[in-house]
Amino acid sequence: MKNSNKKELSQEQHEELLKVLKTRFEKNMNRHKGLEWNTIQEKLEANPEKLWSLDVMEETGGEPDAVGFDKKTGEYIFYDCAPESPKGRRSICYDHEALESRKEHKPNDSAINMAADMGIDILNEEQYRELQQLGNFDTKTSSWIQTTPEIRKLGGALFCDRRYNTVFLYHNGAESYYAARGFRGSLRV
C-alpha cells in the first residue's frame, strides 16, 4: 500500500488515475445515471487526498466508480465495483480488536484498519444492497460490512455475498478470516 503519511499522488499518477476512472465511468453508465464526468473530475482535482484514497482503492483491486450524488452534502459517492471482493484486501479479520485477540495464525491486517489507512469507509448493509442493484458482485467471494456495536460487543461481525441471485447477510466471529473474504469501501468526494 502507498505511504499513508504522504497522501498525495505525483502528477503522473494523478493523470493516470483520472484516465482509468473516466474510462470506467464511461463503460458503466448504468451505475451513475444523471452524473457527468467533468463535474466529478473537477471535484476530484480539488481534493487530492480523496484522489489518493481512490488510487489506493484501485491499487488494491477495488475498481472504484461513482455510484451516486448526495444532494444534501454536494458529494459524489464512490464504491468499490470490482466483480469480486478486492484481491488486495482479502484474508483479513474484521477489526483491530479481533486482530489482537488472535494468539496464532494472525492475518496481516483487519478490514477496519485498512479502510482507515486508505481514508475510506466500509460499506454498510444498505450500501452493499444498493451496490448489488448495479450488478452481480461477490458471486464467489464475500465482503465484511459495518457491524453494529451490539453485535461486535458479543464478538461477532457481519459480511455479505451474492448467491442464487440473492444477497445474503451472515455473521462470523470478528477474528475469523478467509482467502475469499475482503471488504468493499465507500468514499465521498
Protein backbone atom coordinates (compact mmCIF):
# COMPACT_ATOMS: atom_id res chain seq x y z
CA MET A 1 0.00 0.00 0.00
CA LYS A 2 1.09 3.59 -0.58
CA ASN A 3 2.85 5.54 2.11
CA SER A 4 -0.09 6.80 4.16
CA ASN A 5 1.96 9.69 5.60
CA LYS A 6 2.09 11.37 2.20
CA LYS A 7 -1.47 11.26 0.92
CA GLU A 8 -0.88 12.77 -2.47
CA LEU A 9 -0.11 11.50 -5.92
CA SER A 10 2.55 12.60 -8.36
CA GLN A 11 1.25 14.45 -11.42
CA GLU A 12 1.79 11.30 -13.49
CA GLN A 13 -0.15 9.10 -11.02
CA HIS A 14 -2.87 11.76 -10.83
CA GLU A 15 -3.34 11.83 -14.61
CA GLU A 16 -3.20 8.04 -14.96
CA LEU A 17 -5.81 7.51 -12.25
CA LEU A 18 -8.17 10.09 -13.75
CA LYS A 19 -7.85 8.33 -17.11
CA VAL A 20 -8.69 4.94 -15.52
CA LEU A 21 -11.65 6.39 -13.59
CA LYS A 22 -13.01 8.21 -16.65
CA THR A 23 -12.79 5.05 -18.79
CA ARG A 24 -14.59 3.01 -16.10
CA PHE A 25 -17.21 5.75 -15.71
CA GLU A 26 -17.91 5.77 -19.46
CA LYS A 27 -18.08 1.95 -19.69
CA ASN A 28 -20.58 1.66 -16.82
CA MET A 29 -23.11 4.45 -17.33
CA ASN A 30 -25.83 2.33 -15.66
CA ARG A 31 -24.08 2.92 -12.31
CA HIS A 32 -24.42 6.70 -12.37
CA LYS A 33 -27.42 7.92 -14.32
CA GLY A 34 -27.57 11.71 -14.36
CA LEU A 35 -23.93 12.24 -13.34
CA GLU A 36 -21.39 13.92 -15.59
CA TRP A 37 -17.70 13.04 -15.59
CA ASN A 38 -16.44 16.63 -15.96
CA THR A 39 -18.06 17.80 -12.70
CA ILE A 40 -16.78 14.71 -10.89
CA GLN A 41 -13.26 15.29 -12.22
CA GLU A 42 -13.34 18.93 -11.04
CA LYS A 43 -14.33 17.77 -7.57
CA LEU A 44 -11.56 15.13 -7.55
CA GLU A 45 -8.91 17.62 -8.66
CA ALA A 46 -9.94 19.96 -5.84
CA ASN A 47 -9.50 17.12 -3.29
CA PRO A 48 -6.06 15.48 -3.75
CA GLU A 49 -6.38 13.36 -0.55
CA LYS A 50 -9.60 11.85 -1.92
CA LEU A 51 -7.84 11.14 -5.20
CA TRP A 52 -5.10 9.41 -3.18
CA SER A 53 -7.75 7.25 -1.45
CA LEU A 54 -9.27 6.33 -4.83
CA ASP A 55 -5.81 5.38 -6.06
CA VAL A 56 -5.32 3.02 -3.10
CA MET A 57 -8.79 1.58 -3.74
CA GLU A 58 -7.70 0.97 -7.34
CA GLU A 59 -4.29 -0.39 -6.34
CA THR A 60 -5.86 -2.98 -4.01
CA GLY A 61 -8.24 -4.22 -6.71
CA GLY A 62 -11.42 -2.32 -5.83
CA GLU A 63 -12.16 -0.77 -9.23
CA PRO A 64 -13.85 2.30 -7.67
CA ASP A 65 -16.61 4.02 -9.62
CA ALA A 66 -19.04 6.88 -8.98
CA VAL A 67 -22.39 5.43 -7.94
CA GLY A 68 -24.30 8.48 -6.72
CA PHE A 69 -24.52 12.09 -5.66
CA ASP A 70 -25.69 13.30 -2.25
CA LYS A 71 -27.72 16.47 -2.90
CA LYS A 72 -27.65 17.45 0.79
CA THR A 73 -23.85 17.45 1.09
CA GLY A 74 -22.91 18.05 -2.56
CA GLU A 75 -20.67 14.97 -2.51
CA TYR A 76 -20.14 12.32 -5.14
CA ILE A 77 -20.19 8.76 -3.81
CA PHE A 78 -17.74 6.11 -4.96
CA TYR A 79 -17.97 2.38 -4.18
CA ASP A 80 -15.62 -0.48 -4.98
CA CYS A 81 -17.21 -2.04 -8.07
CA ALA A 82 -14.82 -4.95 -8.73
CA PRO A 83 -16.80 -8.10 -9.58
CA GLU A 84 -15.36 -9.89 -6.53
CA SER A 85 -14.17 -8.62 -3.15
CA PRO A 86 -10.93 -6.70 -3.83
CA LYS A 87 -7.95 -9.09 -4.02
CA GLY A 88 -5.57 -6.78 -2.18
CA ARG A 89 -7.91 -6.67 0.83
CA ARG A 90 -8.69 -10.34 1.48
CA SER A 91 -7.61 -12.75 4.23
CA ILE A 92 -8.19 -10.13 6.92
CA CYS A 93 -10.25 -10.18 10.09
CA TYR A 94 -12.85 -7.54 10.93
CA ASP A 95 -11.12 -5.01 13.25
CA HIS A 96 -8.04 -4.31 15.37
CA GLU A 97 -9.56 -5.83 18.50
CA ALA A 98 -10.19 -9.07 16.59
CA LEU A 99 -6.65 -8.99 15.18
CA GLU A 100 -5.17 -8.56 18.66
CA SER A 101 -7.31 -11.37 20.08
CA ARG A 102 -5.73 -13.97 17.79
CA LYS A 103 -2.87 -15.68 19.55
CA GLU A 104 -1.59 -17.54 16.48
CA HIS A 105 -2.08 -17.54 12.71
CA LYS A 106 -2.83 -13.83 12.74
CA PRO A 107 -3.91 -12.23 9.47
CA ASN A 108 -1.78 -9.34 8.24
CA ASP A 109 -4.41 -6.71 8.95
CA SER A 110 -8.09 -6.02 9.57
CA ALA A 111 -10.79 -4.51 7.40
CA ILE A 112 -11.40 -1.56 9.71
CA ASN A 113 -7.67 -0.74 9.99
CA MET A 114 -7.13 -0.97 6.24
CA ALA A 115 -10.16 1.21 5.48
CA ALA A 116 -8.98 3.86 7.95
CA ASP A 117 -5.46 3.81 6.44
CA MET A 118 -6.99 4.22 2.99
CA GLY A 119 -9.25 7.09 4.07
CA ILE A 120 -12.45 5.21 3.17
CA ASP A 121 -15.41 3.62 4.96
CA ILE A 122 -16.50 0.01 4.81
CA LEU A 123 -19.90 -0.41 3.16
CA ASN A 124 -22.82 -0.91 5.50
CA GLU A 125 -25.63 -3.34 4.72
CA GLU A 126 -27.79 -0.73 2.98
CA GLN A 127 -24.89 0.42 0.79
CA TYR A 128 -23.96 -3.17 -0.02
CA ARG A 129 -27.52 -3.87 -1.16
CA GLU A 130 -27.50 -0.64 -3.23
CA LEU A 131 -24.31 -1.81 -4.93
CA GLN A 132 -25.94 -5.14 -5.75
CA GLN A 133 -28.67 -3.25 -7.64
CA LEU A 134 -25.95 -2.11 -10.08
CA GLY A 135 -24.70 -5.60 -10.98
CA ASN A 136 -23.80 -9.02 -9.64
CA PHE A 137 -20.98 -8.64 -7.12
CA ASP A 138 -19.33 -11.19 -4.79
CA THR A 139 -20.71 -14.29 -6.51
CA LYS A 140 -17.57 -16.24 -5.50
CA THR A 141 -16.26 -14.12 -2.60
CA SER A 142 -17.74 -12.28 0.39
CA SER A 143 -17.17 -8.87 1.96
CA TRP A 144 -17.12 -7.67 5.55
CA ILE A 145 -19.65 -4.89 6.18
CA GLN A 146 -20.05 -2.38 9.02
CA THR A 147 -21.19 -4.19 12.12
CA THR A 148 -23.39 -2.74 14.87
CA PRO A 149 -21.72 -2.17 18.25
CA GLU A 150 -24.17 -4.62 19.86
CA ILE A 151 -23.07 -7.50 17.62
CA ARG A 152 -19.41 -6.50 17.81
CA LYS A 153 -19.52 -6.36 21.64
CA LEU A 154 -20.53 -10.02 21.62
CA GLY A 155 -17.57 -10.97 19.39
CA GLY A 156 -19.36 -11.09 16.05
CA ALA A 157 -19.07 -9.27 12.75
CA LEU A 158 -21.22 -9.18 9.61
CA PHE A 159 -20.46 -9.98 5.99
CA CYS A 160 -22.43 -10.29 2.77
CA ASP A 161 -22.26 -12.02 -0.58
CA ARG A 162 -24.46 -12.85 -3.55
CA ARG A 163 -25.51 -16.42 -4.25
CA TYR A 164 -28.50 -17.85 -6.13
CA ASN A 165 -29.22 -14.32 -7.43
CA THR A 166 -29.88 -13.22 -3.83
CA VAL A 167 -27.87 -11.00 -1.45
CA PHE A 168 -27.21 -12.76 1.84
CA LEU A 169 -26.21 -11.25 5.18
CA TYR A 170 -24.21 -13.51 7.51
CA HIS A 171 -22.31 -13.40 10.78
CA ASN A 172 -18.95 -14.77 11.85
CA GLY A 173 -16.51 -14.32 14.69
CA ALA A 174 -14.78 -10.97 14.08
CA GLU A 175 -11.37 -12.67 14.39
CA SER A 176 -12.06 -15.07 11.52
CA TYR A 177 -10.52 -14.56 8.11
CA TYR A 178 -10.77 -16.35 4.80
CA ALA A 179 -8.95 -16.17 1.48
CA ALA A 180 -12.22 -15.31 -0.26
CA ARG A 181 -13.37 -12.57 2.17
CA GLY A 182 -12.29 -8.96 1.99
CA PHE A 183 -14.19 -5.70 2.18
CA ARG A 184 -15.65 -3.08 -0.12
CA GLY A 185 -15.25 0.59 0.54
CA SER A 186 -17.08 3.84 0.06
CA LEU A 187 -15.64 7.30 -0.45
CA ARG A 188 -17.39 10.66 -0.56
CA VAL A 189 -15.83 13.47 -2.57
